[in-house]
Amino acid sequence: MGDRDAVVERREKVLSPAHRGMLAYDDPMILERGEGNYLFDEAGKRYLDCLGQNLCISLGYNHPAVSAAAIAQLEKLQHCTTMYFNREPGLCAEELLATFAEAAELDYVVHLVNTGARRWNWRC
């Protein structure tokens, strides 16, 4: 069995059935990497990523500043549950709130989640 077939079979076998309804093509596209606005499949074919909603990467793929910040954080602490304190979420929330002129007078707060941030461009 080729690698492509193995990828398709593995998805069917060990990933949630909910993924089966999330197909954009009859013949699955298997992506290998991203660079800027482009995605590349397993054959090296380049595609312009025009998706929106929760499926897009707002700063492009493999952005040097984002990669460097992610690596720096991964080298310190990969995950910290909200039942413990960590300085980074508060700093990120302050920076985000600073972008709203009315944030101080309206007493806004930030609820960080793992999705929905696609339209923001902040440096946390």
PDB file of N, CA and C in Angstrom:
ATOM      1  N   MET A   1       0.848  -1.179   0.000  1.00  0.00           N
ATOM      2  CA  MET A   1       0.000   0.000   0.000  1.00  0.00           C
ATOM      3  C   MET A   1       0.890   1.236   0.000  1.00  0.00           C
ATOM      4  N   GLY A   2       0.580   2.194  -0.855  1.00  0.00           N
ATOM      5  CA  GLY A   2       1.354   3.429  -0.925  1.00  0.00           C
ATOM      6  C   GLY A   2       1.077   4.324   0.266  1.00  0.00           C
ATOM      7  N   ASP A   3       1.957   5.311   0.465  1.00  0.00           N
ATOM      8  CA  ASP A   3       1.810   6.237   1.587  1.00  0.00           C
ATOM      9  C   ASP A   3       0.476   6.974   1.530  1.00  0.00           C
ATOM     10  N   ARG A   4       0.061   7.377   0.344  1.00  0.00           N
ATOM     11  CA  ARG A   4      -1.212   8.083   0.170  1.00  0.00           C
ATOM     12  C   ARG A   4      -2.370   7.220   0.644  1.00  0.00           C
ATOM     13  N   ASP A   5      -2.387   5.967   0.223  1.00  0.00           N
ATOM     14  CA  ASP A   5      -3.442   5.049   0.650  1.00  0.00           C
ATOM     15  C   ASP A   5      -3.411   4.841   2.165  1.00  0.00           C
ATOM     16  N   ALA A   6      -2.205   4.773   2.727  1.00  0.00           N
ATOM     17  CA  ALA A   6      -2.073   4.578   4.164  1.00  0.00           C
ATOM     18  C   ALA A   6      -2.633   5.775   4.933  1.00  0.00           C
ATOM     19  N   VAL A   7      -2.412   6.980   4.433  1.00  0.00           N
ATOM     20  CA  VAL A   7      -2.940   8.182   5.078  1.00  0.00           C
ATOM     21  C   VAL A   7      -4.466   8.142   5.085  1.00  0.00           C
ATOM     22  N   VAL A   8      -5.055   7.806   3.949  1.00  0.00           N
ATOM     23  CA  VAL A   8      -6.516   7.735   3.833  1.00  0.00           C
ATOM     24  C   VAL A   8      -7.067   6.630   4.740  1.00  0.00           C
ATOM     25  N   GLU A   9      -6.450   5.464   4.703  1.00  0.00           N
ATOM     26  CA  GLU A   9      -6.919   4.340   5.513  1.00  0.00           C
ATOM     27  C   GLU A   9      -6.807   4.642   7.007  1.00  0.00           C
ATOM     28  N   ARG A  10      -5.704   5.247   7.406  1.00  0.00           N
ATOM     29  CA  ARG A  10      -5.492   5.582   8.814  1.00  0.00           C
ATOM     30  C   ARG A  10      -6.543   6.566   9.298  1.00  0.00           C
ATOM     31  N   ARG A  11      -6.863   7.557   8.483  1.00  0.00           N
ATOM     32  CA  ARG A  11      -7.895   8.533   8.873  1.00  0.00           C
ATOM     33  C   ARG A  11      -9.228   7.826   9.091  1.00  0.00           C
ATOM     34  N   GLU A  12      -9.568   6.922   8.189  1.00  0.00           N
ATOM     35  CA  GLU A  12     -10.830   6.184   8.315  1.00  0.00           C
ATOM     36  C   GLU A  12     -10.844   5.262   9.529  1.00  0.00           C
ATOM     37  N   LYS A  13      -9.696   4.681   9.832  1.00  0.00           N
ATOM     38  CA  LYS A  13      -9.634   3.659  10.875  1.00  0.00           C
ATOM     39  C   LYS A  13      -9.537   4.227  12.291  1.00  0.00           C
ATOM     40  N   VAL A  14      -8.694   5.233  12.508  1.00  0.00           N
ATOM     41  CA  VAL A  14      -8.407   5.643  13.878  1.00  0.00           C
ATOM     42  C   VAL A  14      -8.848   7.060  14.252  1.00  0.00           C
ATOM     43  N   LEU A  15      -9.335   7.842  13.303  1.00  0.00           N
ATOM     44  CA  LEU A  15      -9.845   9.168  13.649  1.00  0.00           C
ATOM     45  C   LEU A  15     -11.365   9.130  13.752  1.00  0.00           C
ATOM     46  N   SER A  16     -11.905  10.083  14.476  1.00  0.00           N
ATOM     47  CA  SER A  16     -13.335  10.145  14.741  1.00  0.00           C
ATOM     48  C   SER A  16     -14.152  10.099  13.451  1.00  0.00           C
ATOM     49  N   PRO A  17     -15.288   9.401  13.478  1.00  0.00           N
ATOM     50  CA  PRO A  17     -16.186   9.400  12.315  1.00  0.00           C
ATOM     51  C   PRO A  17     -16.659  10.802  11.941  1.00  0.00           C
ATOM     52  N   ALA A  18     -16.592  11.741  12.872  1.00  0.00           N
ATOM     53  CA  ALA A  18     -16.993  13.118  12.562  1.00  0.00           C
ATOM     54  C   ALA A  18     -16.146  13.703  11.446  1.00  0.00           C
ATOM     55  N   HIS A  19     -14.911  13.235  11.298  1.00  0.00           N
ATOM     56  CA  HIS A  19     -14.025  13.731  10.236  1.00  0.00           C
ATOM     57  C   HIS A  19     -14.512  13.302   8.850  1.00  0.00           C
ATOM     58  N   ARG A  20     -15.254  12.249   8.771  1.00  0.00           N
ATOM     59  CA  ARG A  20     -15.676  11.724   7.459  1.00  0.00           C
ATOM     60  C   ARG A  20     -16.589  12.679   6.714  1.00  0.00           C
ATOM     61  N   GLY A  21     -17.305  13.508   7.443  1.00  0.00           N
ATOM     62  CA  GLY A  21     -18.191  14.475   6.791  1.00  0.00           C
ATOM     63  C   GLY A  21     -17.470  15.747   6.389  1.00  0.00           C
ATOM     64  N   MET A  22     -16.199  15.839   6.705  1.00  0.00           N
ATOM     65  CA  MET A  22     -15.440  17.055   6.439  1.00  0.00           C
ATOM     66  C   MET A  22     -14.484  16.841   5.271  1.00  0.00           C
ATOM     67  N   LEU A  23     -15.019  16.532   4.126  1.00  0.00           N
ATOM     68  CA  LEU A  23     -14.200  16.302   2.942  1.00  0.00           C
ATOM     69  C   LEU A  23     -14.557  17.328   1.874  1.00  0.00           C
ATOM     70  N   ALA A  24     -13.546  17.923   1.292  1.00  0.00           N
ATOM     71  CA  ALA A  24     -13.778  18.934   0.263  1.00  0.00           C
ATOM     72  C   ALA A  24     -13.688  18.348  -1.149  1.00  0.00           C
ATOM     73  N   TYR A  25     -13.141  17.137  -1.267  1.00  0.00           N
ATOM     74  CA  TYR A  25     -12.901  16.557  -2.583  1.00  0.00           C
ATOM     75  C   TYR A  25     -13.253  15.071  -2.577  1.00  0.00           C
ATOM     76  N   ASP A  26     -13.638  14.559  -3.744  1.00  0.00           N
ATOM     77  CA  ASP A  26     -13.860  13.117  -3.872  1.00  0.00           C
ATOM     78  C   ASP A  26     -12.541  12.364  -3.722  1.00  0.00           C
ATOM     79  N   ASP A  27     -11.482  12.929  -4.299  1.00  0.00           N
ATOM     80  CA  ASP A  27     -10.142  12.356  -4.186  1.00  0.00           C
ATOM     81  C   ASP A  27      -9.389  13.197  -3.154  1.00  0.00           C
ATOM     82  N   PRO A  28      -9.160  12.672  -1.956  1.00  0.00           N
ATOM     83  CA  PRO A  28      -8.596  13.497  -0.873  1.00  0.00           C
ATOM     84  C   PRO A  28      -7.270  14.158  -1.234  1.00  0.00           C
ATOM     85  N   MET A  29      -7.153  15.403  -0.819  1.00  0.00           N
ATOM     86  CA  MET A  29      -5.911  16.155  -0.968  1.00  0.00           C
ATOM     87  C   MET A  29      -5.097  15.912   0.299  1.00  0.00           C
ATOM     88  N   ILE A  30      -3.883  15.480   0.159  1.00  0.00           N
ATOM     89  CA  ILE A  30      -3.020  15.221   1.309  1.00  0.00           C
ATOM     90  C   ILE A  30      -1.947  16.302   1.328  1.00  0.00           C
ATOM     91  N   LEU A  31      -2.053  17.180   2.314  1.00  0.00           N
ATOM     92  CA  LEU A  31      -1.142  18.307   2.412  1.00  0.00           C
ATOM     93  C   LEU A  31       0.094  17.935   3.212  1.00  0.00           C
ATOM     94  N   GLU A  32       1.225  18.431   2.758  1.00  0.00           N
ATOM     95  CA  GLU A  32       2.497  18.147   3.405  1.00  0.00           C
ATOM     96  C   GLU A  32       3.080  19.347   4.143  1.00  0.00           C
ATOM     97  N   ARG A  33       2.914  20.553   3.568  1.00  0.00           N
ATOM     98  CA  ARG A  33       3.532  21.714   4.196  1.00  0.00           C
ATOM     99  C   ARG A  33       2.863  22.998   3.702  1.00  0.00           C
ATOM    100  N   GLY A  34       3.165  24.079   4.390  1.00  0.00           N
ATOM    101  CA  GLY A  34       2.672  25.386   4.000  1.00  0.00           C
ATOM    102  C   GLY A  34       3.789  26.397   4.020  1.00  0.00           C
ATOM    103  N   GLU A  35       3.679  27.401   3.184  1.00  0.00           N
ATOM    104  CA  GLU A  35       4.676  28.472   3.104  1.00  0.00           C
ATOM    105  C   GLU A  35       3.950  29.735   2.676  1.00  0.00           C
ATOM    106  N   GLY A  36       3.908  30.734   3.550  1.00  0.00           N
ATOM    107  CA  GLY A  36       3.207  31.976   3.221  1.00  0.00           C
ATOM    108  C   GLY A  36       1.730  31.714   2.989  1.00  0.00           C
ATOM    109  N   ASN A  37       1.230  32.089   1.822  1.00  0.00           N
ATOM    110  CA  ASN A  37      -0.181  31.889   1.469  1.00  0.00           C
ATOM    111  C   ASN A  37      -0.440  30.550   0.789  1.00  0.00           C
ATOM    112  N   TYR A  38       0.567  29.730   0.661  1.00  0.00           N
ATOM    113  CA  TYR A  38       0.456  28.519  -0.140  1.00  0.00           C
ATOM    114  C   TYR A  38       0.532  27.240   0.689  1.00  0.00           C
ATOM    115  N   LEU A  39      -0.173  26.241   0.205  1.00  0.00           N
ATOM    116  CA  LEU A  39      -0.097  24.879   0.733  1.00  0.00           C
ATOM    117  C   LEU A  39       0.464  23.992  -0.364  1.00  0.00           C
ATOM    118  N   PHE A  40       1.148  22.925   0.032  1.00  0.00           N
ATOM    119  CA  PHE A  40       1.743  21.997  -0.924  1.00  0.00           C
ATOM    120  C   PHE A  40       1.290  20.591  -0.585  1.00  0.00           C
ATOM    121  N   ASP A  41       0.876  19.852  -1.619  1.00  0.00           N
ATOM    122  CA  ASP A  41       0.435  18.479  -1.384  1.00  0.00           C
ATOM    123  C   ASP A  41       1.623  17.519  -1.419  1.00  0.00           C
ATOM    124  N   GLU A  42       1.325  16.225  -1.267  1.00  0.00           N
ATOM    125  CA  GLU A  42       2.390  15.223  -1.174  1.00  0.00           C
ATOM    126  C   GLU A  42       3.195  15.093  -2.457  1.00  0.00           C
ATOM    127  N   ALA A  43       2.652  15.589  -3.572  1.00  0.00           N
ATOM    128  CA  ALA A  43       3.382  15.554  -4.839  1.00  0.00           C
ATOM    129  C   ALA A  43       4.138  16.863  -5.103  1.00  0.00           C
ATOM    130  N   GLY A  44       4.031  17.816  -4.170  1.00  0.00           N
ATOM    131  CA  GLY A  44       4.711  19.094  -4.333  1.00  0.00           C
ATOM    132  C   GLY A  44       3.904  20.136  -5.076  1.00  0.00           C
ATOM    133  N   LYS A  45       2.654  19.816  -5.442  1.00  0.00           N
ATOM    134  CA  LYS A  45       1.807  20.773  -6.150  1.00  0.00           C
ATOM    135  C   LYS A  45       1.403  21.897  -5.203  1.00  0.00           C
ATOM    136  N   ARG A  46       1.502  23.139  -5.682  1.00  0.00           N
ATOM    137  CA  ARG A  46       1.226  24.332  -4.875  1.00  0.00           C
ATOM    138  C   ARG A  46      -0.219  24.782  -5.051  1.00  0.00           C
ATOM    139  N   TYR A  47      -0.859  25.153  -3.931  1.00  0.00           N
ATOM    140  CA  TYR A  47      -2.234  25.654  -3.921  1.00  0.00           C
ATOM    141  C   TYR A  47      -2.263  26.970  -3.146  1.00  0.00           C
ATOM    142  N   LEU A  48      -2.991  27.948  -3.650  1.00  0.00           N
ATOM    143  CA  LEU A  48      -3.226  29.184  -2.916  1.00  0.00           C
ATOM    144  C   LEU A  48      -4.318  28.905  -1.899  1.00  0.00           C
ATOM    145  N   ASP A  49      -4.038  29.149  -0.619  1.00  0.00           N
ATOM    146  CA  ASP A  49      -5.014  28.895   0.433  1.00  0.00           C
ATOM    147  C   ASP A  49      -6.010  30.049   0.479  1.00  0.00           C
ATOM    148  N   CYS A  50      -7.213  29.804  -0.001  1.00  0.00           N
ATOM    149  CA  CYS A  50      -8.258  30.829  -0.025  1.00  0.00           C
ATOM    150  C   CYS A  50      -9.365  30.537   0.987  1.00  0.00           C
ATOM    151  N   LEU A  51      -9.134  29.618   1.903  1.00  0.00           N
ATOM    152  CA  LEU A  51     -10.147  29.296   2.896  1.00  0.00           C
ATOM    153  C   LEU A  51     -10.260  30.395   3.931  1.00  0.00           C
ATOM    154  N   GLY A  52     -11.422  30.508   4.503  1.00  0.00           N
ATOM    155  CA  GLY A  52     -11.655  31.437   5.595  1.00  0.00           C
ATOM    156  C   GLY A  52     -12.198  30.667   6.774  1.00  0.00           C
ATOM    157  N   GLN A  53     -12.896  31.337   7.643  1.00  0.00           N
ATOM    158  CA  GLN A  53     -13.507  30.752   8.837  1.00  0.00           C
ATOM    159  C   GLN A  53     -12.442  30.171   9.740  1.00  0.00           C
ATOM    160  N   ASN A  54     -12.712  29.058  10.359  1.00  0.00           N
ATOM    161  CA  ASN A  54     -11.763  28.487  11.312  1.00  0.00           C
ATOM    162  C   ASN A  54     -10.719  27.610  10.639  1.00  0.00           C
ATOM    163  N   LEU A  55     -10.676  27.610   9.326  1.00  0.00           N
ATOM    164  CA  LEU A  55      -9.745  26.740   8.616  1.00  0.00           C
ATOM    165  C   LEU A  55      -8.515  27.457   8.097  1.00  0.00           C
ATOM    166  N   CYS A  56      -8.374  28.732   8.404  1.00  0.00           N
ATOM    167  CA  CYS A  56      -7.262  29.473   7.816  1.00  0.00           C
ATOM    168  C   CYS A  56      -6.212  29.826   8.868  1.00  0.00           C
ATOM    169  N   ILE A  57      -5.038  30.131   8.392  1.00  0.00           N
ATOM    170  CA  ILE A  57      -3.942  30.596   9.228  1.00  0.00           C
ATOM    171  C   ILE A  57      -3.770  32.073   8.900  1.00  0.00           C
ATOM    172  N   SER A  58      -4.118  32.961   9.839  1.00  0.00           N
ATOM    173  CA  SER A  58      -4.204  34.387   9.539  1.00  0.00           C
ATOM    174  C   SER A  58      -2.867  35.039   9.197  1.00  0.00           C
ATOM    175  N   LEU A  59      -1.747  34.478   9.637  1.00  0.00           N
ATOM    176  CA  LEU A  59      -0.447  35.081   9.353  1.00  0.00           C
ATOM    177  C   LEU A  59       0.322  34.327   8.289  1.00  0.00           C
ATOM    178  N   GLY A  60      -0.337  33.408   7.628  1.00  0.00           N
ATOM    179  CA  GLY A  60       0.347  32.603   6.626  1.00  0.00           C
ATOM    180  C   GLY A  60       1.041  31.419   7.274  1.00  0.00           C
ATOM    181  N   TYR A  61       1.496  30.525   6.462  1.00  0.00           N
ATOM    182  CA  TYR A  61       2.161  29.314   6.939  1.00  0.00           C
ATOM    183  C   TYR A  61       3.656  29.547   7.076  1.00  0.00           C
ATOM    184  N   ASN A  62       4.220  28.992   8.116  1.00  0.00           N
ATOM    185  CA  ASN A  62       5.661  29.017   8.343  1.00  0.00           C
ATOM    186  C   ASN A  62       6.206  30.446   8.417  1.00  0.00           C
ATOM    187  N   HIS A  63       5.442  31.346   9.031  1.00  0.00           N
ATOM    188  CA  HIS A  63       5.881  32.734   9.198  1.00  0.00           C
ATOM    189  C   HIS A  63       7.053  32.737  10.186  1.00  0.00           C
ATOM    190  N   PRO A  64       8.196  33.317   9.814  1.00  0.00           N
ATOM    191  CA  PRO A  64       9.391  33.235  10.670  1.00  0.00           C
ATOM    192  C   PRO A  64       9.173  33.762  12.092  1.00  0.00           C
ATOM    193  N   ALA A  65       8.467  34.873  12.249  1.00  0.00           N
ATOM    194  CA  ALA A  65       8.244  35.437  13.586  1.00  0.00           C
ATOM    195  C   ALA A  65       7.339  34.548  14.420  1.00  0.00           C
ATOM    196  N   VAL A  66       6.312  34.002  13.789  1.00  0.00           N
ATOM    197  CA  VAL A  66       5.391  33.116  14.510  1.00  0.00           C
ATOM    198  C   VAL A  66       6.099  31.822  14.889  1.00  0.00           C
ATOM    199  N   SER A  67       6.859  31.263  13.965  1.00  0.00           N
ATOM    200  CA  SER A  67       7.603  30.033  14.252  1.00  0.00           C
ATOM    201  C   SER A  67       8.602  30.245  15.384  1.00  0.00           C
ATOM    202  N   ALA A  68       9.324  31.361  15.358  1.00  0.00           N
ATOM    203  CA  ALA A  68      10.315  31.647  16.403  1.00  0.00           C
ATOM    204  C   ALA A  68       9.642  31.804  17.767  1.00  0.00           C
ATOM    205  N   ALA A  69       8.513  32.518  17.805  1.00  0.00           N
ATOM    206  CA  ALA A  69       7.797  32.700  19.075  1.00  0.00           C
ATOM    207  C   ALA A  69       7.257  31.372  19.587  1.00  0.00           C
ATOM    208  N   ALA A  70       6.723  30.544  18.697  1.00  0.00           N
ATOM    209  CA  ALA A  70       6.197  29.241  19.104  1.00  0.00           C
ATOM    210  C   ALA A  70       7.307  28.338  19.636  1.00  0.00           C
ATOM    211  N   ILE A  71       8.445  28.319  18.955  1.00  0.00           N
ATOM    212  CA  ILE A  71       9.572  27.496  19.403  1.00  0.00           C
ATOM    213  C   ILE A  71      10.076  27.978  20.760  1.00  0.00           C
ATOM    214  N   ALA A  72      10.188  29.306  20.937  1.00  0.00           N
ATOM    215  CA  ALA A  72      10.648  29.849  22.221  1.00  0.00           C
ATOM    216  C   ALA A  72       9.711  29.429  23.352  1.00  0.00           C
ATOM    217  N   GLN A  73       8.398  29.485  23.103  1.00  0.00           N
ATOM    218  CA  GLN A  73       7.447  29.077  24.139  1.00  0.00           C
ATOM    219  C   GLN A  73       7.499  27.570  24.371  1.00  0.00           C
ATOM    220  N   LEU A  74       7.609  26.786  23.316  1.00  0.00           N
ATOM    221  CA  LEU A  74       7.687  25.334  23.468  1.00  0.00           C
ATOM    222  C   LEU A  74       8.908  24.913  24.274  1.00  0.00           C
ATOM    223  N   GLU A  75       9.991  25.651  24.147  1.00  0.00           N
ATOM    224  CA  GLU A  75      11.203  25.332  24.899  1.00  0.00           C
ATOM    225  C   GLU A  75      11.052  25.652  26.384  1.00  0.00           C
ATOM    226  N   LYS A  76      10.091  26.532  26.718  1.00  0.00           N
ATOM    227  CA  LYS A  76       9.847  26.869  28.124  1.00  0.00           C
ATOM    228  C   LYS A  76       8.737  26.011  28.726  1.00  0.00           C
ATOM    229  N   LEU A  77       7.574  25.999  28.071  1.00  0.00           N
ATOM    230  CA  LEU A  77       6.404  25.314  28.619  1.00  0.00           C
ATOM    231  C   LEU A  77       5.401  25.104  27.492  1.00  0.00           C
ATOM    232  N   GLN A  78       5.123  23.842  27.159  1.00  0.00           N
ATOM    233  CA  GLN A  78       4.231  23.551  26.041  1.00  0.00           C
ATOM    234  C   GLN A  78       2.766  23.779  26.384  1.00  0.00           C
ATOM    235  N   HIS A  79       2.379  23.525  27.613  1.00  0.00           N
ATOM    236  CA  HIS A  79       0.975  23.633  28.000  1.00  0.00           C
ATOM    237  C   HIS A  79       0.886  23.964  29.476  1.00  0.00           C
ATOM    238  N   CYS A  80      -0.058  24.792  29.830  1.00  0.00           N
ATOM    239  CA  CYS A  80      -0.328  25.090  31.239  1.00  0.00           C
ATOM    240  C   CYS A  80      -1.828  25.192  31.405  1.00  0.00           C
ATOM    241  N   THR A  81      -2.415  24.248  32.088  1.00  0.00           N
ATOM    242  CA  THR A  81      -3.849  24.273  32.324  1.00  0.00           C
ATOM    243  C   THR A  81      -4.240  25.539  33.070  1.00  0.00           C
ATOM    244  N   THR A  82      -5.485  25.961  32.922  1.00  0.00           N
ATOM    245  CA  THR A  82      -5.924  27.202  33.554  1.00  0.00           C
ATOM    246  C   THR A  82      -6.070  27.073  35.070  1.00  0.00           C
ATOM    247  N   MET A  83      -5.926  25.879  35.619  1.00  0.00           N
ATOM    248  CA  MET A  83      -5.973  25.777  37.082  1.00  0.00           C
ATOM    249  C   MET A  83      -4.649  26.194  37.720  1.00  0.00           C
ATOM    250  N   TYR A  84      -3.591  26.387  36.918  1.00  0.00           N
ATOM    251  CA  TYR A  84      -2.322  26.933  37.385  1.00  0.00           C
ATOM    252  C   TYR A  84      -2.122  28.306  36.761  1.00  0.00           C
ATOM    253  N   PHE A  85      -1.311  29.101  37.370  1.00  0.00           N
ATOM    254  CA  PHE A  85      -1.042  30.430  36.841  1.00  0.00           C
ATOM    255  C   PHE A  85       0.211  30.407  35.970  1.00  0.00           C
ATOM    256  N   ASN A  86       0.206  31.255  34.927  1.00  0.00           N
ATOM    257  CA  ASN A  86       1.328  31.413  34.019  1.00  0.00           C
ATOM    258  C   ASN A  86       1.268  32.843  33.518  1.00  0.00           C
ATOM    259  N   ARG A  87       2.409  33.486  33.316  1.00  0.00           N
ATOM    260  CA  ARG A  87       2.401  34.906  32.941  1.00  0.00           C
ATOM    261  C   ARG A  87       1.907  35.160  31.521  1.00  0.00           C
ATOM    262  N   GLU A  88       2.096  34.244  30.596  1.00  0.00           N
ATOM    263  CA  GLU A  88       1.822  34.510  29.181  1.00  0.00           C
ATOM    264  C   GLU A  88       0.352  34.830  28.863  1.00  0.00           C
ATOM    265  N   PRO A  89      -0.630  34.097  29.380  1.00  0.00           N
ATOM    266  CA  PRO A  89      -2.021  34.440  29.044  1.00  0.00           C
ATOM    267  C   PRO A  89      -2.408  35.860  29.446  1.00  0.00           C
ATOM    268  N   GLY A  90      -1.974  36.298  30.624  1.00  0.00           N
ATOM    269  CA  GLY A  90      -2.285  37.658  31.058  1.00  0.00           C
ATOM    270  C   GLY A  90      -1.631  38.711  30.184  1.00  0.00           C
ATOM    271  N   LEU A  91      -0.379  38.474  29.811  1.00  0.00           N
ATOM    272  CA  LEU A  91       0.312  39.410  28.924  1.00  0.00           C
ATOM    273  C   LEU A  91      -0.371  39.482  27.563  1.00  0.00           C
ATOM    274  N   CYS A  92      -0.762  38.328  27.047  1.00  0.00           N
ATOM    275  CA  CYS A  92      -1.462  38.280  25.761  1.00  0.00           C
ATOM    276  C   CYS A  92      -2.791  39.025  25.850  1.00  0.00           C
ATOM    277  N   ALA A  93      -3.539  38.811  26.937  1.00  0.00           N
ATOM    278  CA  ALA A  93      -4.829  39.483  27.112  1.00  0.00           C
ATOM    279  C   ALA A  93      -4.648  40.997  27.199  1.00  0.00           C
ATOM    280  N   GLU A  94      -3.634  41.461  27.938  1.00  0.00           N
ATOM    281  CA  GLU A  94      -3.380  42.907  28.023  1.00  0.00           C
ATOM    282  C   GLU A  94      -3.071  43.492  26.649  1.00  0.00           C
ATOM    283  N   GLU A  95      -2.253  42.805  25.886  1.00  0.00           N
ATOM    284  CA  GLU A  95      -1.902  43.305  24.560  1.00  0.00           C
ATOM    285  C   GLU A  95      -3.123  43.351  23.646  1.00  0.00           C
ATOM    286  N   LEU A  96      -3.951  42.325  23.721  1.00  0.00           N
ATOM    287  CA  LEU A  96      -5.176  42.308  22.921  1.00  0.00           C
ATOM    288  C   LEU A  96      -6.109  43.446  23.333  1.00  0.00           C
ATOM    289  N   LEU A  97      -6.340  43.612  24.637  1.00  0.00           N
ATOM    290  CA  LEU A  97      -7.237  44.666  25.116  1.00  0.00           C
ATOM    291  C   LEU A  97      -6.736  46.060  24.754  1.00  0.00           C
ATOM    292  N   ALA A  98      -5.433  46.213  24.664  1.00  0.00           N
ATOM    293  CA  ALA A  98      -4.870  47.513  24.301  1.00  0.00           C
ATOM    294  C   ALA A  98      -5.247  47.931  22.886  1.00  0.00           C
ATOM    295  N   THR A  99      -5.692  46.993  22.071  1.00  0.00           N
ATOM    296  CA  THR A  99      -6.096  47.333  20.706  1.00  0.00           C
ATOM    297  C   THR A  99      -7.508  47.895  20.648  1.00  0.00           C
ATOM    298  N   PHE A 100      -8.260  47.792  21.737  1.00  0.00           N
ATOM    299  CA  PHE A 100      -9.626  48.322  21.811  1.00  0.00           C
ATOM    300  C   PHE A 100      -9.597  49.653  22.538  1.00  0.00           C
ATOM    301  N   ALA A 101      -9.934  50.730  21.867  1.00  0.00           N
ATOM    302  CA  ALA A 101      -9.901  52.056  22.479  1.00  0.00           C
ATOM    303  C   ALA A 101     -10.819  52.116  23.702  1.00  0.00           C
ATOM    304  N   GLU A 102     -11.951  51.452  23.651  1.00  0.00           N
ATOM    305  CA  GLU A 102     -12.935  51.542  24.725  1.00  0.00           C
ATOM    306  C   GLU A 102     -12.765  50.459  25.794  1.00  0.00           C
ATOM    307  N   ALA A 103     -11.741  49.632  25.702  1.00  0.00           N
ATOM    308  CA  ALA A 103     -11.595  48.488  26.618  1.00  0.00           C
ATOM    309  C   ALA A 103     -11.548  48.909  28.078  1.00  0.00           C
ATOM    310  N   ALA A 104     -10.795  49.958  28.405  1.00  0.00           N
ATOM    311  CA  ALA A 104     -10.648  50.367  29.804  1.00  0.00           C
ATOM    312  C   ALA A 104     -11.969  50.857  30.377  1.00  0.00           C
ATOM    313  N   GLU A 105     -12.696  51.668  29.631  1.00  0.00           N
ATOM    314  CA  GLU A 105     -13.944  52.221  30.159  1.00  0.00           C
ATOM    315  C   GLU A 105     -15.077  51.194  30.191  1.00  0.00           C
ATOM    316  N   LEU A 106     -15.002  50.150  29.379  1.00  0.00           N
ATOM    317  CA  LEU A 106     -16.049  49.132  29.372  1.00  0.00           C
ATOM    318  C   LEU A 106     -15.675  47.907  30.205  1.00  0.00           C
ATOM    319  N   ASP A 107     -14.486  47.903  30.793  1.00  0.00           N
ATOM    320  CA  ASP A 107     -14.051  46.820  31.673  1.00  0.00           C
ATOM    321  C   ASP A 107     -14.101  45.460  30.979  1.00  0.00           C
ATOM    322  N   TYR A 108     -13.560  45.386  29.760  1.00  0.00           N
ATOM    323  CA  TYR A 108     -13.505  44.130  29.015  1.00  0.00           C
ATOM    324  C   TYR A 108     -12.544  43.139  29.678  1.00  0.00           C
ATOM    325  N   VAL A 109     -12.801  41.870  29.448  1.00  0.00           N
ATOM    326  CA  VAL A 109     -11.874  40.810  29.823  1.00  0.00           C
ATOM    327  C   VAL A 109     -11.706  39.904  28.613  1.00  0.00           C
ATOM    328  N   VAL A 110     -10.728  39.002  28.660  1.00  0.00           N
ATOM    329  CA  VAL A 110     -10.430  38.097  27.560  1.00  0.00           C
ATOM    330  C   VAL A 110     -10.653  36.660  28.025  1.00  0.00           C
ATOM    331  N   HIS A 111     -11.286  35.875  27.180  1.00  0.00           N
ATOM    332  CA  HIS A 111     -11.441  34.436  27.425  1.00  0.00           C
ATOM    333  C   HIS A 111     -10.697  33.727  26.290  1.00  0.00           C
ATOM    334  N   LEU A 112      -9.530  33.174  26.603  1.00  0.00           N
ATOM    335  CA  LEU A 112      -8.709  32.519  25.590  1.00  0.00           C
ATOM    336  C   LEU A 112      -9.211  31.102  25.334  1.00  0.00           C
ATOM    337  N   VAL A 113      -9.388  30.768  24.067  1.00  0.00           N
ATOM    338  CA  VAL A 113      -9.828  29.441  23.652  1.00  0.00           C
ATOM    339  C   VAL A 113      -8.937  28.963  22.511  1.00  0.00           C
ATOM    340  N   ASN A 114      -9.166  27.763  22.025  1.00  0.00           N
ATOM    341  CA  ASN A 114      -8.287  27.210  21.004  1.00  0.00           C
ATOM    342  C   ASN A 114      -8.763  27.460  19.588  1.00  0.00           C
ATOM    343  N   THR A 115      -9.738  28.334  19.382  1.00  0.00           N
ATOM    344  CA  THR A 115     -10.204  28.643  18.037  1.00  0.00           C
ATOM    345  C   THR A 115     -10.939  29.979  18.058  1.00  0.00           C
ATOM    346  N   GLY A 116     -11.258  30.484  16.872  1.00  0.00           N
ATOM    347  CA  GLY A 116     -12.029  31.710  16.779  1.00  0.00           C
ATOM    348  C   GLY A 116     -11.179  32.970  16.699  1.00  0.00           C
ATOM    349  N   ALA A 117      -9.868  32.858  16.745  1.00  0.00           N
ATOM    350  CA  ALA A 117      -9.004  34.037  16.750  1.00  0.00           C
ATOM    351  C   ALA A 117      -8.496  34.383  15.363  1.00  0.00           C
ATOM    352  N   ARG A 118      -9.092  33.851  14.341  1.00  0.00           N
ATOM    353  CA  ARG A 118      -8.553  33.977  12.994  1.00  0.00           C
ATOM    354  C   ARG A 118      -8.516  35.398  12.468  1.00  0.00           C
ATOM    355  N   ARG A 119      -9.317  36.290  13.000  1.00  0.00           N
ATOM    356  CA  ARG A 119      -9.367  37.639  12.440  1.00  0.00           C
ATOM    357  C   ARG A 119      -8.428  38.607  13.140  1.00  0.00           C
ATOM    358  N   TRP A 120      -7.795  38.184  14.192  1.00  0.00           N
ATOM    359  CA  TRP A 120      -6.921  39.083  14.948  1.00  0.00           C
ATOM    360  C   TRP A 120      -5.480  38.919  14.507  1.00  0.00           C
ATOM    361  N   ASN A 121      -4.744  39.979  14.652  1.00  0.00           N
ATOM    362  CA  ASN A 121      -3.333  39.960  14.289  1.00  0.00           C
ATOM    363  C   ASN A 121      -2.548  40.592  15.434  1.00  0.00           C
ATOM    364  N   TRP A 122      -2.348  39.823  16.503  1.00  0.00           N
ATOM    365  CA  TRP A 122      -1.580  40.341  17.627  1.00  0.00           C
ATOM    366  C   TRP A 122      -0.341  39.487  17.822  1.00  0.00           C
ATOM    367  N   ARG A 123       0.585  40.006  18.617  1.00  0.00           N
ATOM    368  CA  ARG A 123       1.854  39.332  18.827  1.00  0.00           C
ATOM    369  C   ARG A 123       1.942  38.813  20.256  1.00  0.00           C
ATOM    370  N   CYS A 124       1.271  37.756  20.560  1.00  0.00           N
ATOM    371  CA  CYS A 124       1.309  37.177  21.899  1.00  0.00           C
ATOM    372  C   CYS A 124       2.378  36.120  21.976  1.00  0.00           C
TER     373      CYS A 124
END
